[in-house]
Amino acid sequence: MVAATLKIKLKRYTKRVRTLRLDLNKLKDPTVRRKYQNELKKLLPNEAQEENYDQYWTKLKSAMQEAAEKSIDKPQTRRSAWISAETLQLVKKRSRCRSKQTLATLRKEIKKAVRRDKARYYEALADLESSKNGLNTLNAS
């Protein structure tokens, strides 16, 4: 008979806090900037003398974040440059689809459209490169 003692050390699960990303370039727009300033004026703590600086800073930080969330939009998710609007429409249509048969046909159409868009994109890049190279050879002689 064999006796053994096992020690297992489990890792603790730490939940990552996602930072809110805002499109700060929109602050260049005067209407968005004015809206942010008005929200910030409403939310800012008025008196800093009674509290210590750490508490004041946390209130200031939360006020700035809350005002930004209310007035500045989130940036749109990035998408590949080569995907066309028609392909995105097909993807939206697929997400609303319920039947399996139409889902399968839409999936095939999307694959074809993506391949076509990607081929067009790379052809355009190749044409651009060849035109650049053609201009360079003309200037060299």
Protein backbone atom coordinates (compact mmCIF):
# COMPACT_ATOMS: atom_id res chain seq x y z
CA MET A 1 0.00 0.00 0.00
CA VAL A 2 1.24 3.48 -0.95
CA ALA A 3 0.34 6.58 0.98
CA ALA A 4 1.00 10.06 -0.33
CA THR A 5 0.18 13.60 0.53
CA LEU A 6 -0.55 16.06 -2.23
CA LYS A 7 -0.35 19.79 -1.98
CA ILE A 8 -2.18 21.71 -4.65
CA LYS A 9 -1.78 25.41 -4.95
CA LEU A 10 -4.58 26.97 -6.97
CA LYS A 11 -4.21 30.29 -8.68
CA ARG A 12 -6.61 32.95 -7.67
CA TYR A 13 -8.92 34.24 -10.30
CA THR A 14 -8.50 37.95 -10.73
CA LYS A 15 -11.10 39.70 -12.76
CA ARG A 16 -9.64 42.29 -15.07
CA VAL A 17 -11.19 45.70 -14.96
CA ARG A 18 -11.74 47.03 -18.45
CA THR A 19 -10.96 50.67 -18.83
CA LEU A 20 -13.51 52.67 -20.70
CA ARG A 21 -12.08 53.95 -23.93
CA LEU A 22 -13.63 57.12 -25.27
CA ASP A 23 -13.09 58.90 -28.55
CA LEU A 24 -11.31 61.98 -27.17
CA ASN A 25 -10.87 63.42 -30.66
CA LYS A 26 -14.55 64.32 -30.49
CA LEU A 27 -13.65 66.97 -27.91
CA LYS A 28 -12.36 69.04 -30.82
CA ASP A 29 -15.97 69.53 -31.85
CA PRO A 30 -17.26 72.65 -30.02
CA THR A 31 -20.70 71.22 -29.27
CA VAL A 32 -19.29 68.04 -27.71
CA ARG A 33 -16.73 70.08 -25.75
CA ARG A 34 -19.46 72.39 -24.42
CA LYS A 35 -21.60 69.42 -23.44
CA TYR A 36 -18.64 67.86 -21.59
CA GLN A 37 -17.87 71.12 -19.79
CA ASN A 38 -21.49 71.53 -18.67
CA GLU A 39 -21.63 67.95 -17.37
CA LEU A 40 -18.34 68.44 -15.58
CA LYS A 41 -19.54 71.65 -13.90
CA LYS A 42 -22.58 69.79 -12.58
CA LEU A 43 -20.55 66.91 -11.19
CA LEU A 44 -17.45 68.65 -9.81
CA PRO A 45 -17.05 68.74 -6.03
CA ASN A 46 -17.14 72.33 -4.81
CA GLU A 47 -15.05 72.37 -1.67
CA ALA A 48 -11.54 70.98 -1.45
CA GLN A 49 -10.61 72.56 1.89
CA GLU A 50 -12.58 70.24 4.14
CA GLU A 51 -11.23 67.00 2.67
CA ASN A 52 -7.77 65.68 2.16
CA TYR A 53 -6.30 65.70 -1.32
CA ASP A 54 -6.70 61.97 -1.94
CA GLN A 55 -10.44 62.09 -1.37
CA TYR A 56 -10.72 65.22 -3.49
CA TRP A 57 -8.75 63.57 -6.29
CA THR A 58 -10.98 60.48 -6.32
CA LYS A 59 -14.09 62.68 -6.49
CA LEU A 60 -12.55 64.78 -9.25
CA LYS A 61 -11.51 61.69 -11.21
CA SER A 62 -14.94 60.06 -10.94
CA ALA A 63 -16.63 63.32 -11.95
CA MET A 64 -14.44 63.62 -15.03
CA GLN A 65 -15.08 60.01 -16.03
CA GLU A 66 -18.82 60.28 -15.52
CA ALA A 67 -19.02 63.51 -17.52
CA ALA A 68 -17.00 61.94 -20.32
CA GLU A 69 -19.27 58.87 -20.40
CA LYS A 70 -22.35 61.07 -20.68
CA SER A 71 -21.07 63.48 -23.30
CA ILE A 72 -18.45 61.65 -25.41
CA ASP A 73 -19.34 58.64 -27.53
CA LYS A 74 -17.39 55.43 -27.54
CA PRO A 75 -15.17 54.92 -30.58
CA GLN A 76 -16.55 52.65 -33.23
CA THR A 77 -15.02 49.24 -33.40
CA ARG A 78 -12.36 48.92 -36.00
CA ARG A 79 -13.00 46.88 -39.06
CA SER A 80 -10.74 45.75 -41.82
CA ALA A 81 -10.28 48.33 -44.54
CA TRP A 82 -11.09 45.88 -47.28
CA ILE A 83 -14.57 44.82 -46.10
CA SER A 84 -17.26 46.52 -48.15
CA ALA A 85 -20.57 47.89 -46.93
CA GLU A 86 -22.49 45.18 -48.84
CA THR A 87 -20.60 42.48 -46.94
CA LEU A 88 -21.39 44.18 -43.63
CA GLN A 89 -25.06 44.25 -44.62
CA LEU A 90 -24.92 40.50 -45.25
CA VAL A 91 -23.36 39.98 -41.83
CA LYS A 92 -26.16 41.99 -40.18
CA LYS A 93 -28.72 40.00 -42.15
CA ARG A 94 -27.10 36.75 -40.96
CA SER A 95 -27.26 37.86 -37.33
CA ARG A 96 -31.02 38.42 -37.67
CA CYS A 97 -31.57 35.12 -39.49
CA ARG A 98 -33.45 32.33 -37.70
CA SER A 99 -33.77 29.38 -40.08
CA LYS A 100 -30.87 27.00 -40.69
CA GLN A 101 -31.27 26.89 -44.47
CA THR A 102 -31.09 30.62 -44.98
CA LEU A 103 -28.29 30.78 -42.43
CA ALA A 104 -26.23 28.32 -44.49
CA THR A 105 -26.83 30.23 -47.74
CA LEU A 106 -26.01 33.54 -46.09
CA ARG A 107 -22.82 32.07 -44.66
CA LYS A 108 -21.76 30.99 -48.16
CA GLU A 109 -22.62 34.40 -49.60
CA ILE A 110 -20.61 36.13 -46.88
CA LYS A 111 -17.58 33.94 -47.55
CA LYS A 112 -17.77 34.72 -51.28
CA ALA A 113 -18.23 38.43 -50.63
CA VAL A 114 -15.29 38.55 -48.21
CA ARG A 115 -13.03 36.77 -50.69
CA ARG A 116 -14.14 39.15 -53.44
CA ASP A 117 -13.59 42.23 -51.26
CA LYS A 118 -10.17 41.05 -50.17
CA ALA A 119 -9.14 40.35 -53.76
CA ARG A 120 -10.32 43.82 -54.84
CA TYR A 121 -8.43 45.44 -52.00
CA TYR A 122 -5.17 43.70 -52.80
CA GLU A 123 -5.57 44.41 -56.52
CA ALA A 124 -6.00 48.09 -55.72
CA LEU A 125 -2.90 48.00 -53.53
CA ALA A 126 -0.94 46.28 -56.28
CA ASP A 127 -2.07 48.89 -58.82
CA LEU A 128 -1.03 51.63 -56.44
CA GLU A 129 2.37 50.03 -55.93
CA SER A 130 2.90 49.55 -59.65
CA SER A 131 1.96 53.15 -60.33
CA LYS A 132 4.42 54.30 -57.65
CA ASN A 133 7.14 52.12 -59.12
CA GLY A 134 6.32 53.37 -62.62
CA LEU A 135 6.65 56.98 -61.47
CA ASN A 136 9.95 56.23 -59.77
CA THR A 137 11.44 54.68 -62.90
CA LEU A 138 10.37 57.67 -64.99
CA ASN A 139 12.00 60.11 -62.60
CA ALA A 140 15.23 58.09 -62.46
CA SER A 141 15.96 58.41 -66.21
